[in-house]
Amino acid sequence: MHSYALDERLTILRDPSSPADPQALALGALGWLLESDARAERFLALTGLTPDELRAGLGDPAALPAMLGAVLDFLAAHEPDLVGAAEALGVEPAVLAAAGQGLLR
């Protein structure tokens, strides 16, 4: 169940007992990752992806789970990034690390 709070904008508050959507978590993590040029460059270098391949993969429903899995694998391999992304998304690092399994379903 969702709760709604009004101030200057509509805010949707998640029920903490409901499971997080793995795809939404991975997309949020990618957004956090790309906020920093250094993180983005390291991600591309370590995954071997180019910016064009990343964009194409995000736009292809068949390739999207693998692309988002690469994001989560990248974060899980470097704890400071995993913790930083999890804090930015308001989830526990373990939830973010486990989201990759949900992408395979």
Protein backbone atom coordinates (compact mmCIF):
# COMPACT_ATOMS: atom_id res chain seq x y z
CA MET A 1 0.00 0.00 0.00
CA HIS A 2 1.26 3.47 -0.84
CA SER A 3 0.84 6.60 1.27
CA TYR A 4 0.70 10.05 -0.21
CA ALA A 5 1.89 13.31 1.32
CA LEU A 6 1.26 16.72 -0.22
CA ASP A 7 3.47 19.75 0.08
CA GLU A 8 4.79 21.58 -2.98
CA ARG A 9 4.76 18.33 -4.95
CA LEU A 10 3.25 14.89 -4.68
CA THR A 11 5.52 12.44 -2.88
CA ILE A 12 4.91 8.72 -2.99
CA LEU A 13 6.17 6.89 0.07
CA ARG A 14 6.80 3.17 -0.33
CA ASP A 15 5.60 0.71 2.20
CA PRO A 16 8.91 -0.54 3.66
CA SER A 17 7.54 -4.07 3.88
CA SER A 18 6.88 -4.26 0.11
CA PRO A 19 9.66 -5.67 -2.06
CA ALA A 20 11.58 -3.21 -4.18
CA ASP A 21 11.36 -3.49 -7.97
CA PRO A 22 14.78 -4.78 -9.09
CA GLN A 23 14.63 -2.95 -12.42
CA ALA A 24 13.73 0.34 -10.75
CA LEU A 25 16.55 -0.12 -8.22
CA ALA A 26 19.07 -0.88 -10.98
CA LEU A 27 17.95 2.14 -13.03
CA GLY A 28 18.22 4.33 -9.94
CA ALA A 29 21.67 2.91 -9.25
CA LEU A 30 22.70 3.66 -12.83
CA GLY A 31 21.50 7.24 -12.41
CA TRP A 32 23.56 7.57 -9.23
CA LEU A 33 26.57 6.00 -10.95
CA LEU A 34 26.37 8.42 -13.88
CA GLU A 35 26.18 11.48 -11.60
CA SER A 36 29.95 11.25 -11.19
CA ASP A 37 32.23 11.42 -14.21
CA ALA A 38 34.87 9.38 -12.38
CA ARG A 39 32.38 6.60 -11.51
CA ALA A 40 30.92 6.62 -15.03
CA GLU A 41 34.36 6.39 -16.62
CA ARG A 42 35.36 3.54 -14.28
CA PHE A 43 32.09 1.72 -15.04
CA LEU A 44 32.64 1.97 -18.79
CA ALA A 45 36.30 0.98 -18.51
CA LEU A 46 35.66 -2.05 -16.32
CA THR A 47 32.62 -3.31 -18.21
CA GLY A 48 34.07 -2.60 -21.66
CA LEU A 49 30.89 -0.79 -22.65
CA THR A 50 30.86 2.36 -24.72
CA PRO A 51 28.33 5.14 -24.07
CA ASP A 52 26.57 4.16 -27.32
CA GLU A 53 26.35 0.51 -26.25
CA LEU A 54 24.98 1.55 -22.86
CA ARG A 55 22.30 3.72 -24.48
CA ALA A 56 21.40 0.99 -26.97
CA GLY A 57 21.20 -1.64 -24.23
CA LEU A 58 18.93 0.51 -22.12
CA GLY A 59 16.63 1.02 -25.10
CA ASP A 60 16.42 -2.68 -25.99
CA PRO A 61 13.99 -4.66 -23.80
CA ALA A 62 15.82 -7.90 -24.57
CA ALA A 63 19.20 -6.46 -23.52
CA LEU A 64 17.95 -4.40 -20.57
CA PRO A 65 18.23 -7.11 -17.85
CA ALA A 66 21.85 -7.85 -18.80
CA MET A 67 22.71 -4.14 -18.94
CA LEU A 68 21.16 -3.48 -15.53
CA GLY A 69 22.82 -6.63 -14.19
CA ALA A 70 26.18 -5.19 -15.27
CA VAL A 71 25.40 -2.05 -13.27
CA LEU A 72 24.59 -4.04 -10.14
CA ASP A 73 27.61 -6.32 -10.58
CA PHE A 74 29.83 -3.25 -10.92
CA LEU A 75 28.46 -1.78 -7.68
CA ALA A 76 28.66 -5.08 -5.80
CA ALA A 77 32.35 -5.38 -6.72
CA HIS A 78 33.23 -2.08 -5.01
CA GLU A 79 31.70 -1.72 -1.57
CA PRO A 80 32.03 2.09 -1.28
CA ASP A 81 30.00 2.50 -4.47
CA LEU A 82 27.45 -0.10 -3.37
CA VAL A 83 26.98 1.67 -0.04
CA GLY A 84 26.82 5.10 -1.70
CA ALA A 85 24.22 3.99 -4.25
CA ALA A 86 22.16 2.23 -1.59
CA GLU A 87 22.16 5.33 0.61
CA ALA A 88 21.11 7.50 -2.33
CA LEU A 89 18.27 5.10 -3.13
CA GLY A 90 17.20 4.67 0.49
CA VAL A 91 17.74 0.90 0.62
CA GLU A 92 20.10 -1.40 2.41
CA PRO A 93 23.22 -2.36 0.41
CA ALA A 94 22.18 -6.03 0.60
CA VAL A 95 18.86 -5.19 -1.09
CA LEU A 96 20.66 -3.44 -3.92
CA ALA A 97 23.20 -6.26 -4.27
CA ALA A 98 20.40 -8.86 -4.37
CA ALA A 99 18.37 -6.93 -6.96
CA GLY A 100 20.37 -8.55 -9.75
CA GLN A 101 18.71 -11.89 -8.97
CA GLY A 102 15.32 -10.26 -9.46
CA LEU A 103 16.30 -9.08 -12.93
CA LEU A 104 16.65 -12.69 -14.08
CA ARG A 105 13.01 -13.52 -13.43
